[in-house]
Amino acid sequence: MHNIYDDVLSREISAEQRIGEVFDILHKAPQSADLCRYVSSVIVYDEIILNTDRHAHNILFYIDESTGLIEPAPLFDNGEALLSNLEKYEGTDIKRYCYNVKSKPFSRSFKTQTMAVRKYYDVKYSLDNLNYEKLYEGLEDYYTKDEIFRALKILQFQVSRLQERSVDW
């Protein structure tokens, strides 16, 4: 399996240059705009949910050998989103964790990654009307109320933080 990111991520270049080089590679595909928009959406989504485990080996694409068409694989490996690794993010100091958490794969800063991809594709999300209760519907079968409350609190803080940045999400 060929990983298009390995060469790009191994060099000491800026996040914007890394993303630009990945997009240059993706632009060779027939549906390049969709693929670049997908990578941009993943990066923005990861900032919203503070996914610390998005690395080059889990932004994948299916390649149809007979047609050459490339399609994004479903997102996976969100297990460390919303500061769910309690060994790293133990306790109640959620604000400090939200400000200090590190991202992957193009930069250690979520903000830097998001701003860099938005220079290529202006991915927009509406964060104004999130129904937080709906997001967590049915989770009580799998998680404790404390775990759900903590995740909800982190998501609400992160959304308000991004809205304060005055970025048109």
Protein backbone atom coordinates (compact mmCIF):
# COMPACT_ATOMS: atom_id res chain seq x y z
CA MET A 1 0.00 0.00 0.00
CA HIS A 2 1.35 3.41 -0.95
CA ASN A 3 1.03 6.19 1.62
CA ILE A 4 1.04 9.56 -0.14
CA TYR A 5 1.78 11.35 3.12
CA ASP A 6 5.05 9.67 4.15
CA ASP A 7 7.40 11.78 2.01
CA VAL A 8 5.51 15.00 2.69
CA LEU A 9 5.31 14.55 6.46
CA SER A 10 8.92 13.44 6.89
CA ARG A 11 10.32 16.81 5.79
CA GLU A 12 10.65 19.95 7.91
CA ILE A 13 8.23 22.23 6.06
CA SER A 14 5.26 24.31 7.19
CA ALA A 15 1.77 22.89 7.65
CA GLU A 16 0.59 24.94 4.70
CA GLN A 17 3.36 23.51 2.49
CA ARG A 18 2.58 19.96 3.66
CA ILE A 19 -1.10 20.34 2.91
CA GLY A 20 -0.33 21.98 -0.43
CA GLU A 21 1.91 19.07 -1.44
CA VAL A 22 -0.73 16.50 -0.44
CA PHE A 23 -3.32 18.44 -2.44
CA ASP A 24 -0.93 18.55 -5.42
CA ILE A 25 -0.80 14.74 -5.30
CA LEU A 26 -4.58 14.47 -4.96
CA HIS A 27 -5.07 16.89 -7.87
CA LYS A 28 -3.84 14.14 -10.18
CA ALA A 29 -7.06 12.19 -9.54
CA PRO A 30 -10.14 12.79 -11.72
CA GLN A 31 -12.27 13.91 -8.77
CA SER A 32 -9.51 15.87 -7.05
CA ALA A 33 -11.71 18.68 -5.70
CA ASP A 34 -13.83 16.17 -3.76
CA LEU A 35 -10.74 14.47 -2.34
CA CYS A 36 -9.13 17.73 -1.24
CA ARG A 37 -12.41 18.92 0.25
CA TYR A 38 -12.62 15.60 2.15
CA VAL A 39 -9.12 16.00 3.64
CA SER A 40 -9.98 19.61 4.55
CA SER A 41 -13.20 18.49 6.23
CA VAL A 42 -11.36 15.83 8.24
CA ILE A 43 -8.86 18.40 9.53
CA VAL A 44 -11.61 20.87 10.50
CA TYR A 45 -13.71 18.11 12.09
CA ASP A 46 -10.72 16.93 14.11
CA GLU A 47 -10.22 20.42 15.51
CA ILE A 48 -13.86 20.60 16.55
CA ILE A 49 -13.71 17.27 18.40
CA LEU A 50 -10.03 17.57 19.42
CA ASN A 51 -9.11 14.27 17.81
CA THR A 52 -5.47 13.75 18.75
CA ASP A 53 -5.06 10.48 16.85
CA ARG A 54 -5.56 11.51 13.22
CA HIS A 55 -2.33 10.50 11.54
CA ALA A 56 -1.29 9.84 7.96
CA HIS A 57 -2.27 6.18 8.14
CA ASN A 58 -5.93 6.88 8.85
CA ILE A 59 -6.86 9.41 6.20
CA LEU A 60 -7.37 6.74 3.58
CA PHE A 61 -8.79 6.38 0.10
CA TYR A 62 -10.18 3.48 -1.89
CA ILE A 63 -8.70 3.14 -5.37
CA ASP A 64 -10.66 1.30 -8.04
CA GLU A 65 -7.86 -0.26 -10.08
CA SER A 66 -10.09 -0.78 -13.13
CA THR A 67 -11.38 2.81 -13.38
CA GLY A 68 -8.73 4.78 -11.51
CA LEU A 69 -11.41 6.42 -9.39
CA ILE A 70 -10.39 7.30 -5.86
CA GLU A 71 -12.90 7.61 -3.04
CA PRO A 72 -12.42 8.53 0.61
CA ALA A 73 -12.62 5.67 3.08
CA PRO A 74 -14.94 6.17 6.04
CA LEU A 75 -13.44 8.05 8.97
CA PHE A 76 -12.12 5.90 11.76
CA ASP A 77 -9.76 6.11 14.73
CA ASN A 78 -11.55 8.84 16.64
CA GLY A 79 -10.94 7.03 19.92
CA GLU A 80 -8.97 9.86 21.48
CA ALA A 81 -11.45 12.59 20.53
CA LEU A 82 -12.96 14.86 23.17
CA LEU A 83 -9.98 14.24 25.49
CA SER A 84 -11.18 10.69 26.11
CA ASN A 85 -7.72 9.39 27.04
CA LEU A 86 -8.13 9.80 30.78
CA GLU A 87 -4.52 8.82 31.45
CA LYS A 88 -3.39 11.95 29.56
CA TYR A 89 -6.31 14.22 30.41
CA GLU A 90 -7.30 13.20 33.91
CA GLY A 91 -9.25 15.58 36.09
CA THR A 92 -11.42 18.59 35.55
CA ASP A 93 -9.02 21.16 34.08
CA ILE A 94 -10.73 20.88 30.70
CA LYS A 95 -9.93 24.41 29.52
CA ARG A 96 -6.20 23.91 29.99
CA TYR A 97 -6.34 20.58 28.16
CA CYS A 98 -8.35 22.05 25.29
CA TYR A 99 -5.79 24.82 24.82
CA ASN A 100 -2.76 22.52 25.07
CA VAL A 101 -3.82 19.38 23.21
CA LYS A 102 -1.67 18.56 20.15
CA SER A 103 -2.92 17.62 16.69
CA LYS A 104 -1.69 15.52 13.79
CA PRO A 105 -0.75 14.95 10.97
CA PHE A 106 0.25 18.24 9.31
CA SER A 107 1.01 20.31 12.42
CA ARG A 108 0.99 19.94 16.19
CA SER A 109 -1.49 22.83 16.31
CA PHE A 110 -5.14 22.28 15.39
CA LYS A 111 -5.52 25.97 14.59
CA THR A 112 -2.49 25.97 12.29
CA GLN A 113 -3.77 22.91 10.40
CA THR A 114 -7.28 24.28 10.04
CA MET A 115 -6.13 27.69 8.87
CA ALA A 116 -3.76 26.04 6.36
CA VAL A 117 -6.42 23.79 4.79
CA ARG A 118 -8.85 26.69 4.64
CA LYS A 119 -6.42 28.55 2.38
CA TYR A 120 -7.06 25.81 -0.18
CA TYR A 121 -10.68 24.83 0.54
CA ASP A 122 -12.91 26.99 2.69
CA VAL A 123 -14.78 24.25 4.52
CA LYS A 124 -17.72 25.69 6.44
CA TYR A 125 -19.70 24.22 9.29
CA SER A 126 -22.53 25.70 11.27
CA LEU A 127 -21.81 25.29 14.95
CA ASP A 128 -24.62 27.59 16.07
CA ASN A 129 -27.47 25.13 16.30
CA LEU A 130 -25.86 21.99 17.65
CA ASN A 131 -28.32 19.85 19.56
CA TYR A 132 -25.97 18.47 22.21
CA GLU A 133 -28.58 16.20 23.74
CA LYS A 134 -29.24 14.59 20.35
CA LEU A 135 -25.50 14.00 19.88
CA TYR A 136 -25.40 11.85 22.99
CA GLU A 137 -28.71 10.05 22.54
CA GLY A 138 -28.31 6.33 23.29
CA LEU A 139 -24.79 6.63 24.68
CA GLU A 140 -25.92 5.86 28.21
CA ASP A 141 -25.95 2.19 27.17
CA TYR A 142 -22.17 2.37 26.71
CA TYR A 143 -20.89 5.19 28.92
CA THR A 144 -21.49 6.48 32.41
CA LYS A 145 -23.37 9.73 32.92
CA ASP A 146 -20.11 11.29 34.15
CA GLU A 147 -18.29 10.30 30.95
CA ILE A 148 -21.10 11.67 28.79
CA PHE A 149 -21.27 14.89 30.80
CA ARG A 150 -17.49 15.35 30.53
CA ALA A 151 -17.51 14.82 26.74
CA LEU A 152 -20.46 17.20 26.37
CA LYS A 153 -18.71 19.84 28.46
CA ILE A 154 -15.55 19.52 26.32
CA LEU A 155 -17.50 19.79 23.07
CA GLN A 156 -19.45 22.82 24.29
CA PHE A 157 -16.24 24.53 25.40
CA GLN A 158 -14.51 23.74 22.11
CA VAL A 159 -17.44 25.03 20.02
CA SER A 160 -17.60 28.27 22.00
CA ARG A 161 -13.84 28.66 21.69
CA LEU A 162 -13.95 28.24 17.92
CA GLN A 163 -16.84 30.67 17.61
CA GLU A 164 -14.86 33.26 19.60
CA ARG A 165 -12.01 32.94 17.11
CA SER A 166 -14.32 34.79 14.70
CA VAL A 167 -13.87 32.19 12.02
CA ASP A 168 -16.89 31.59 9.81
CA TRP A 169 -17.33 27.94 10.64
